[in-house]
C-alpha atoms as a PDB file:
ATOM      1  CA  UNK A   1       0.000   0.000   0.000  1.00  0.00           C
ATOM      2  CA  UNK A   2       1.315   3.442  -0.979  1.00  0.00           C
ATOM      3  CA  UNK A   3       1.341   5.728   2.034  1.00  0.00           C
ATOM      4  CA  UNK A   4      -0.322   9.105   1.533  1.00  0.00           C
ATOM      5  CA  UNK A   5      -0.825  12.222   3.613  1.00  0.00           C
ATOM      6  CA  UNK A   6      -3.635  10.568   5.579  1.00  0.00           C
ATOM      7  CA  UNK A   7      -1.179   8.064   7.016  1.00  0.00           C
ATOM      8  CA  UNK A   8       1.136  10.773   8.314  1.00  0.00           C
ATOM      9  CA  UNK A   9      -1.819  12.613   9.823  1.00  0.00           C
ATOM     10  CA  UNK A  10      -2.811   9.370  11.568  1.00  0.00           C
ATOM     11  CA  UNK A  11       0.682   8.750  12.976  1.00  0.00           C
ATOM     12  CA  UNK A  12       0.956  12.366  14.129  1.00  0.00           C
ATOM     13  CA  UNK A  13      -2.410  12.101  15.868  1.00  0.00           C
ATOM     14  CA  UNK A  14      -1.396   8.894  17.667  1.00  0.00           C
ATOM     15  CA  UNK A  15       1.847  10.526  18.847  1.00  0.00           C
ATOM     16  CA  UNK A  16      -0.183  13.385  20.361  1.00  0.00           C
ATOM     17  CA  UNK A  17      -2.474  10.855  22.069  1.00  0.00           C
ATOM     18  CA  UNK A  18       0.593   9.022  23.451  1.00  0.00           C
ATOM     19  CA  UNK A  19       1.992  12.261  24.900  1.00  0.00           C
ATOM     20  CA  UNK A  20      -1.212  12.635  26.940  1.00  0.00           C
ATOM     21  CA  UNK A  21       0.338  10.029  29.258  1.00  0.00           C
ATOM     22  CA  UNK A  22       2.627  12.773  30.585  1.00  0.00           C
ATOM     23  CA  UNK A  23      -0.333  14.561  32.185  1.00  0.00           C
ATOM     24  CA  UNK A  24       0.928  13.111  35.471  1.00  0.00           C
ATOM     25  CA  UNK A  25       3.953  15.420  35.243  1.00  0.00           C
ATOM     26  CA  UNK A  26       1.921  18.058  37.086  1.00  0.00           C
ATOM     27  CA  UNK A  27       2.221  15.874  40.181  1.00  0.00           C
ATOM     28  CA  UNK A  28       5.936  16.688  40.256  1.00  0.00           C
ATOM     29  CA  UNK A  29       4.919  20.131  41.465  1.00  0.00           C
ATOM     30  CA  UNK A  30       3.392  18.555  44.582  1.00  0.00           C
ATOM     31  CA  UNK A  31       5.220  17.548  47.734  1.00  0.00           C
ATOM     32  CA  UNK A  32       5.319  13.841  48.558  1.00  0.00           C
ATOM     33  CA  UNK A  33       3.143  14.507  51.611  1.00  0.00           C
ATOM     34  CA  UNK A  34       0.443  16.233  49.570  1.00  0.00           C
ATOM     35  CA  UNK A  35       0.610  13.609  46.821  1.00  0.00           C
ATOM     36  CA  UNK A  36       0.156  10.829  49.383  1.00  0.00           C
ATOM     37  CA  UNK A  37      -2.908  12.609  50.762  1.00  0.00           C
ATOM     38  CA  UNK A  38      -4.631  12.820  47.387  1.00  0.00           C
ATOM     39  CA  UNK A  39      -3.549   9.415  46.070  1.00  0.00           C
ATOM     40  CA  UNK A  40      -6.595   7.700  47.579  1.00  0.00           C
ATOM     41  CA  UNK A  41      -8.838  10.036  45.595  1.00  0.00           C
ATOM     42  CA  UNK A  42      -6.845   9.397  42.414  1.00  0.00           C
ATOM     43  CA  UNK A  43      -7.295   5.674  43.017  1.00  0.00           C
ATOM     44  CA  UNK A  44     -11.037   6.203  43.558  1.00  0.00           C
ATOM     45  CA  UNK A  45     -11.259   8.157  40.330  1.00  0.00           C
ATOM     46  CA  UNK A  46      -9.214   5.522  38.479  1.00  0.00           C
ATOM     47  CA  UNK A  47     -11.472   2.702  39.713  1.00  0.00           C
ATOM     48  CA  UNK A  48     -14.552   4.544  38.488  1.00  0.00           C
ATOM     49  CA  UNK A  49     -12.897   5.388  35.160  1.00  0.00           C
ATOM     50  CA  UNK A  50     -11.854   1.765  34.598  1.00  0.00           C
ATOM     51  CA  UNK A  51     -15.308   0.407  35.448  1.00  0.00           C
ATOM     52  CA  UNK A  52     -16.985   3.098  33.378  1.00  0.00           C
ATOM     53  CA  UNK A  53     -14.583   2.615  30.484  1.00  0.00           C
ATOM     54  CA  UNK A  54     -15.252  -1.133  30.436  1.00  0.00           C
ATOM     55  CA  UNK A  55     -19.054  -1.012  30.668  1.00  0.00           C
ATOM     56  CA  UNK A  56     -19.745   2.264  28.848  1.00  0.00           C
ATOM     57  CA  UNK A  57     -17.087   2.237  26.106  1.00  0.00           C
ATOM     58  CA  UNK A  58     -15.343  -1.084  25.495  1.00  0.00           C
ATOM     59  CA  UNK A  59     -18.104  -3.694  25.900  1.00  0.00           C
ATOM     60  CA  UNK A  60     -20.806  -1.751  23.983  1.00  0.00           C
ATOM     61  CA  UNK A  61     -18.348  -1.120  21.141  1.00  0.00           C
ATOM     62  CA  UNK A  62     -17.412  -4.802  21.081  1.00  0.00           C
ATOM     63  CA  UNK A  63     -21.093  -5.786  20.952  1.00  0.00           C
ATOM     64  CA  UNK A  64     -21.461  -3.700  17.784  1.00  0.00           C
ATOM     65  CA  UNK A  65     -18.708  -5.701  16.128  1.00  0.00           C
ATOM     66  CA  UNK A  66     -19.518  -9.276  17.118  1.00  0.00           C
ATOM     67  CA  UNK A  67     -21.935 -11.702  18.711  1.00  0.00           C
ATOM     68  CA  UNK A  68     -22.727 -11.142  22.377  1.00  0.00           C
ATOM     69  CA  UNK A  69     -21.743 -14.697  23.323  1.00  0.00           C
ATOM     70  CA  UNK A  70     -18.205 -14.230  22.036  1.00  0.00           C
ATOM     71  CA  UNK A  71     -17.898 -10.735  23.512  1.00  0.00           C
ATOM     72  CA  UNK A  72     -18.683 -11.840  27.054  1.00  0.00           C
ATOM     73  CA  UNK A  73     -16.497 -14.905  26.641  1.00  0.00           C
ATOM     74  CA  UNK A  74     -13.540 -12.613  25.888  1.00  0.00           C
ATOM     75  CA  UNK A  75     -14.487 -10.377  28.850  1.00  0.00           C
ATOM     76  CA  UNK A  76     -14.344 -13.459  31.062  1.00  0.00           C
ATOM     77  CA  UNK A  77     -11.072 -14.533  29.449  1.00  0.00           C
ATOM     78  CA  UNK A  78      -9.542 -11.124  30.166  1.00  0.00           C
ATOM     79  CA  UNK A  79     -10.743 -11.221  33.783  1.00  0.00           C
ATOM     80  CA  UNK A  80      -9.365 -14.738  34.368  1.00  0.00           C
ATOM     81  CA  UNK A  81      -6.052 -14.087  32.628  1.00  0.00           C
ATOM     82  CA  UNK A  82      -5.440 -10.942  34.663  1.00  0.00           C
ATOM     83  CA  UNK A  83      -6.198 -12.936  37.818  1.00  0.00           C
ATOM     84  CA  UNK A  84      -3.649 -15.577  36.812  1.00  0.00           C
ATOM     85  CA  UNK A  85      -1.081 -12.915  35.910  1.00  0.00           C
ATOM     86  CA  UNK A  86      -1.514 -11.194  39.246  1.00  0.00           C
ATOM     87  CA  UNK A  87      -1.139 -14.456  41.144  1.00  0.00           C
ATOM     88  CA  UNK A  88       2.108 -15.131  39.275  1.00  0.00           C
ATOM     89  CA  UNK A  89       3.414 -11.600  39.728  1.00  0.00           C
ATOM     90  CA  UNK A  90       2.528 -11.707  43.419  1.00  0.00           C
ATOM     91  CA  UNK A  91       4.340 -15.020  43.852  1.00  0.00           C
ATOM     92  CA  UNK A  92       7.332 -13.764  41.872  1.00  0.00           C
ATOM     93  CA  UNK A  93       7.775 -10.338  43.509  1.00  0.00           C
ATOM     94  CA  UNK A  94       6.240 -10.608  46.989  1.00  0.00           C
ATOM     95  CA  UNK A  95       7.521 -12.525  49.987  1.00  0.00           C
ATOM     96  CA  UNK A  96       5.745 -12.887  53.324  1.00  0.00           C
ATOM     97  CA  UNK A  97       3.071 -10.413  52.139  1.00  0.00           C
ATOM     98  CA  UNK A  98       5.673  -7.664  51.648  1.00  0.00           C
ATOM     99  CA  UNK A  99       5.651  -5.984  48.218  1.00  0.00           C
ATOM    100  CA  UNK A 100       7.806  -3.061  47.243  1.00  0.00           C
ATOM    101  CA  UNK A 101       5.681  -2.736  44.106  1.00  0.00           C
ATOM    102  CA  UNK A 102       2.144  -4.135  43.990  1.00  0.00           C
ATOM    103  CA  UNK A 103       1.327  -6.580  41.201  1.00  0.00           C
ATOM    104  CA  UNK A 104      -1.673  -4.569  40.030  1.00  0.00           C
ATOM    105  CA  UNK A 105       0.659  -1.847  38.723  1.00  0.00           C
ATOM    106  CA  UNK A 106       2.000  -4.239  36.089  1.00  0.00           C
ATOM    107  CA  UNK A 107      -1.512  -5.434  35.271  1.00  0.00           C
ATOM    108  CA  UNK A 108      -2.645  -1.868  34.739  1.00  0.00           C
ATOM    109  CA  UNK A 109       0.251  -1.242  32.352  1.00  0.00           C
ATOM    110  CA  UNK A 110      -0.699  -4.349  30.347  1.00  0.00           C
ATOM    111  CA  UNK A 111      -4.374  -3.417  30.241  1.00  0.00           C
ATOM    112  CA  UNK A 112      -3.615   0.184  29.376  1.00  0.00           C
ATOM    113  CA  UNK A 113      -1.233  -0.919  26.626  1.00  0.00           C
ATOM    114  CA  UNK A 114      -3.989  -3.034  25.058  1.00  0.00           C
ATOM    115  CA  UNK A 115      -6.474  -0.184  25.419  1.00  0.00           C
ATOM    116  CA  UNK A 116      -4.098   2.304  23.771  1.00  0.00           C
ATOM    117  CA  UNK A 117      -3.394  -0.159  20.960  1.00  0.00           C
ATOM    118  CA  UNK A 118      -7.136  -0.302  20.312  1.00  0.00           C
ATOM    119  CA  UNK A 119      -7.301   3.500  20.317  1.00  0.00           C
ATOM    120  CA  UNK A 120      -4.559   3.414  17.709  1.00  0.00           C
ATOM    121  CA  UNK A 121      -6.545   0.960  15.586  1.00  0.00           C
ATOM    122  CA  UNK A 122      -9.501   3.344  15.649  1.00  0.00           C
ATOM    123  CA  UNK A 123      -7.332   6.366  14.792  1.00  0.00           C
ATOM    124  CA  UNK A 124      -5.680   4.576  11.880  1.00  0.00           C
ATOM    125  CA  UNK A 125      -8.966   3.305  10.461  1.00  0.00           C
ATOM    126  CA  UNK A 126     -10.662   6.723  10.760  1.00  0.00           C
ATOM    127  CA  UNK A 127      -7.828   8.605   9.032  1.00  0.00           C
ATOM    128  CA  UNK A 128      -7.818   5.958   6.302  1.00  0.00           C
ATOM    129  CA  UNK A 129     -11.376   7.022   5.488  1.00  0.00           C
ATOM    130  CA  UNK A 130     -11.020  10.797   5.856  1.00  0.00           C
ATOM    131  CA  UNK A 131      -8.729  13.317   7.589  1.00  0.00           C
ATOM    132  CA  UNK A 132     -11.641  15.247   9.091  1.00  0.00           C
ATOM    133  CA  UNK A 133     -13.131  12.049  10.513  1.00  0.00           C
ATOM    134  CA  UNK A 134      -9.721  11.199  11.928  1.00  0.00           C
ATOM    135  CA  UNK A 135      -9.421  14.575  13.648  1.00  0.00           C
ATOM    136  CA  UNK A 136     -12.878  14.230  15.221  1.00  0.00           C
ATOM    137  CA  UNK A 137     -12.082  10.686  16.379  1.00  0.00           C
ATOM    138  CA  UNK A 138      -8.716  11.731  17.803  1.00  0.00           C
ATOM    139  CA  UNK A 139     -10.316  14.617  19.705  1.00  0.00           C
ATOM    140  CA  UNK A 140     -12.823  12.242  21.281  1.00  0.00           C
ATOM    141  CA  UNK A 141     -10.016   9.846  22.251  1.00  0.00           C
ATOM    142  CA  UNK A 142      -7.986  12.678  23.821  1.00  0.00           C
ATOM    143  CA  UNK A 143     -10.991  13.749  25.930  1.00  0.00           C
ATOM    144  CA  UNK A 144     -11.312  10.143  27.045  1.00  0.00           C
ATOM    145  CA  UNK A 145      -7.588   9.645  27.660  1.00  0.00           C
ATOM    146  CA  UNK A 146      -6.876  12.684  29.864  1.00  0.00           C
ATOM    147  CA  UNK A 147      -8.912  11.478  32.880  1.00  0.00           C
ATOM    148  CA  UNK A 148      -7.806   7.882  32.362  1.00  0.00           C
ATOM    149  CA  UNK A 149      -4.106   8.777  32.242  1.00  0.00           C
ATOM    150  CA  UNK A 150      -4.450  10.790  35.470  1.00  0.00           C
ATOM    151  CA  UNK A 151      -5.938   7.711  37.082  1.00  0.00           C
ATOM    152  CA  UNK A 152      -3.282   5.420  35.611  1.00  0.00           C
ATOM    153  CA  UNK A 153      -0.505   7.609  37.010  1.00  0.00           C
ATOM    154  CA  UNK A 154      -2.159   7.505  40.424  1.00  0.00           C
ATOM    155  CA  UNK A 155      -2.359   3.701  40.264  1.00  0.00           C
ATOM    156  CA  UNK A 156       1.353   3.375  39.478  1.00  0.00           C
ATOM    157  CA  UNK A 157       2.445   5.754  42.255  1.00  0.00           C
ATOM    158  CA  UNK A 158       0.075   4.169  44.765  1.00  0.00           C
ATOM    159  CA  UNK A 159       1.388   0.735  43.761  1.00  0.00           C
ATOM    160  CA  UNK A 160       4.980   1.669  44.591  1.00  0.00           C
ATOM    161  CA  UNK A 161       6.471   3.370  41.534  1.00  0.00           C
ATOM    162  CA  UNK A 162       8.398   6.605  41.914  1.00  0.00           C
ATOM    163  CA  UNK A 163       6.991   9.641  40.107  1.00  0.00           C
ATOM    164  CA  UNK A 164       9.505   9.572  37.253  1.00  0.00           C
ATOM    165  CA  UNK A 165       9.266   5.821  36.806  1.00  0.00           C
ATOM    166  CA  UNK A 166       5.464   6.077  36.763  1.00  0.00           C
ATOM    167  CA  UNK A 167       5.637   8.729  34.028  1.00  0.00           C
ATOM    168  CA  UNK A 168       8.113   6.695  31.991  1.00  0.00           C
ATOM    169  CA  UNK A 169       6.208   3.392  32.245  1.00  0.00           C
ATOM    170  CA  UNK A 170       2.889   5.104  31.593  1.00  0.00           C
ATOM    171  CA  UNK A 171       4.376   6.596  28.426  1.00  0.00           C
ATOM    172  CA  UNK A 172       5.677   3.199  27.276  1.00  0.00           C
ATOM    173  CA  UNK A 173       2.177   1.735  27.605  1.00  0.00           C
ATOM    174  CA  UNK A 174       0.802   4.725  25.677  1.00  0.00           C
ATOM    175  CA  UNK A 175       3.213   4.242  22.748  1.00  0.00           C
ATOM    176  CA  UNK A 176       1.259   1.126  21.733  1.00  0.00           C
ATOM    177  CA  UNK A 177      -1.258   3.580  20.240  1.00  0.00           C
ATOM    178  CA  UNK A 178       1.278   4.370  17.512  1.00  0.00           C
ATOM    179  CA  UNK A 179       1.684   0.693  16.597  1.00  0.00           C
ATOM    180  CA  UNK A 180      -2.085   0.307  16.660  1.00  0.00           C
ATOM    181  CA  UNK A 181      -2.445   3.241  14.297  1.00  0.00           C
ATOM    182  CA  UNK A 182      -0.066   1.679  11.760  1.00  0.00           C
ATOM    183  CA  UNK A 183      -1.928  -1.643  11.932  1.00  0.00           C
ATOM    184  CA  UNK A 184      -5.310   0.074  11.820  1.00  0.00           C
ATOM    185  CA  UNK A 185      -4.376   2.095   8.740  1.00  0.00           C
ATOM    186  CA  UNK A 186      -2.686  -0.710   6.820  1.00  0.00           C
ATOM    187  CA  UNK A 187      -5.421  -3.250   7.552  1.00  0.00           C
ATOM    188  CA  UNK A 188      -8.418  -0.951   7.952  1.00  0.00           C
ATOM    189  CA  UNK A 189     -10.704  -3.421   6.213  1.00  0.00           C
ATOM    190  CA  UNK A 190      -9.931  -6.125   8.766  1.00  0.00           C
ATOM    191  CA  UNK A 191      -9.449  -4.254  12.052  1.00  0.00           C
ATOM    192  CA  UNK A 192     -12.954  -5.089  13.288  1.00  0.00           C
ATOM    193  CA  UNK A 193     -11.997  -8.740  13.824  1.00  0.00           C
ATOM    194  CA  UNK A 194      -8.911  -7.761  15.799  1.00  0.00           C
ATOM    195  CA  UNK A 195     -10.658  -5.042  17.799  1.00  0.00           C
ATOM    196  CA  UNK A 196     -13.616  -7.368  18.394  1.00  0.00           C
ATOM    197  CA  UNK A 197     -11.272  -9.574  20.418  1.00  0.00           C
ATOM    198  CA  UNK A 198      -9.129  -6.912  22.081  1.00  0.00           C
ATOM    199  CA  UNK A 199     -11.975  -4.630  23.221  1.00  0.00           C
ATOM    200  CA  UNK A 200     -13.735  -7.141  25.520  1.00  0.00           C
ATOM    201  CA  UNK A 201     -10.413  -8.647  26.588  1.00  0.00           C
ATOM    202  CA  UNK A 202      -9.196  -5.247  27.788  1.00  0.00           C
ATOM    203  CA  UNK A 203     -12.596  -4.657  29.419  1.00  0.00           C
ATOM    204  CA  UNK A 204     -12.258  -7.863  31.435  1.00  0.00           C
ATOM    205  CA  UNK A 205      -8.803  -6.784  32.580  1.00  0.00           C
ATOM    206  CA  UNK A 206     -10.027  -3.337  33.598  1.00  0.00           C
ATOM    207  CA  UNK A 207     -12.947  -4.827  35.538  1.00  0.00           C
ATOM    208  CA  UNK A 208     -10.548  -7.125  37.375  1.00  0.00           C
ATOM    209  CA  UNK A 209      -8.132  -4.319  38.307  1.00  0.00           C
ATOM    210  CA  UNK A 210     -10.903  -2.027  39.511  1.00  0.00           C
ATOM    211  CA  UNK A 211     -12.939  -4.593  41.442  1.00  0.00           C
ATOM    212  CA  UNK A 212     -10.195  -6.832  42.840  1.00  0.00           C
ATOM    213  CA  UNK A 213      -7.316  -4.402  43.424  1.00  0.00           C
ATOM    214  CA  UNK A 214      -8.436  -0.783  43.618  1.00  0.00           C
ATOM    215  CA  UNK A 215     -11.850  -0.908  45.314  1.00  0.00           C
ATOM    216  CA  UNK A 216     -10.540  -3.131  48.166  1.00  0.00           C
ATOM    217  CA  UNK A 217      -7.889  -0.454  48.786  1.00  0.00           C
ATOM    218  CA  UNK A 218     -10.683   2.087  49.224  1.00  0.00           C
ATOM    219  CA  UNK A 219     -12.320  -0.091  51.866  1.00  0.00           C
ATOM    220  CA  UNK A 220      -9.258   0.435  54.031  1.00  0.00           C
ATOM    221  CA  UNK A 221     -10.238   4.081  54.553  1.00  0.00           C
ATOM    222  CA  UNK A 222     -11.932   4.206  57.952  1.00  0.00           C
ATOM    223  CA  UNK A 223     -12.431   7.959  58.186  1.00  0.00           C
ATOM    224  CA  UNK A 224     -16.026   8.828  57.186  1.00  0.00           C
ATOM    225  CA  UNK A 225     -15.066  12.033  55.370  1.00  0.00           C
ATOM    226  CA  UNK A 226     -12.325  10.318  53.368  1.00  0.00           C
ATOM    227  CA  UNK A 227     -14.614   7.397  52.549  1.00  0.00           C
ATOM    228  CA  UNK A 228     -17.358   9.745  51.354  1.00  0.00           C
ATOM    229  CA  UNK A 229     -14.948  11.688  49.162  1.00  0.00           C
ATOM    230  CA  UNK A 230     -13.606   8.397  47.780  1.00  0.00           C
ATOM    231  CA  UNK A 231     -17.114   7.359  46.731  1.00  0.00           C
ATOM    232  CA  UNK A 232     -17.644  10.780  45.172  1.00  0.00           C
ATOM    233  CA  UNK A 233     -14.453  10.516  43.098  1.00  0.00           C
ATOM    234  CA  UNK A 234     -15.370   6.944  42.130  1.00  0.00           C
ATOM    235  CA  UNK A 235     -18.756   8.071  40.835  1.00  0.00           C
ATOM    236  CA  UNK A 236     -17.126  11.051  39.118  1.00  0.00           C
ATOM    237  CA  UNK A 237     -14.839   8.662  37.231  1.00  0.00           C
ATOM    238  CA  UNK A 238     -17.875   6.729  35.969  1.00  0.00           C
ATOM    239  CA  UNK A 239     -19.790   9.885  35.079  1.00  0.00           C
ATOM    240  CA  UNK A 240     -16.827  11.281  33.167  1.00  0.00           C
ATOM    241  CA  UNK A 241     -16.630   8.126  31.064  1.00  0.00           C
ATOM    242  CA  UNK A 242     -20.347   8.500  30.377  1.00  0.00           C
ATOM    243  CA  UNK A 243     -19.825  12.171  29.461  1.00  0.00           C
ATOM    244  CA  UNK A 244     -17.075  11.332  26.955  1.00  0.00           C
ATOM    245  CA  UNK A 245     -19.389   8.741  25.399  1.00  0.00           C
ATOM    246  CA  UNK A 246     -22.209  11.298  25.150  1.00  0.00           C
ATOM    247  CA  UNK A 247     -19.910  13.948  23.659  1.00  0.00           C
ATOM    248  CA  UNK A 248     -18.604  11.458  21.110  1.00  0.00           C
ATOM    249  CA  UNK A 249     -22.133  10.759  19.847  1.00  0.00           C
ATOM    250  CA  UNK A 250     -23.055  14.442  19.717  1.00  0.00           C
END
């Protein structure tokens, strides 16, 4: 296939989307004490965004592309595989219940990498059709990615990563969008089959991370005010995912 200007627009758009992962750099302006105080709210927000992203964005989109039986089978597969991965990572890196870095940080990077790859598929396919369509699609993805990347950064720091390492690893998982864009553009006629598998698989992973790793952390907050604010940020994460869905359709 001869590459034209649309391809370069697509790659440029995916690079911009990948750079959104550096939104966590603003945390470098905060003291460690202040960052630790707000981390629980970032985790609450991230849990809501992951749950909302799975049920509001990924699963409905997958249902449009394939049979419901296969979609939910892949959701279950993603959930189970992330459980197995976490058990292995926990066994490999933790001893006597002491973990310098929690296993769910690695799971989140894997899930986010898959999610960003899918975003890249969508960007590539949309620019293949039309530059204007690609710009609209990229804008919608950016609006969706900003809150998610804030939550992802919070997950990595809460799980034991330093600020700079969290930024670096978050960026590496975001770069998969560029590879997804190339695949999506080159094979735009066949991306639905690939995305039809990856979308529910990533959804299952996100559901596992949110329900089995992040929400239990929120239950450890005994202070009523902190618990109430955590619930508020959790619901805000869900509502923001719903808002990005609504904006995309309007």
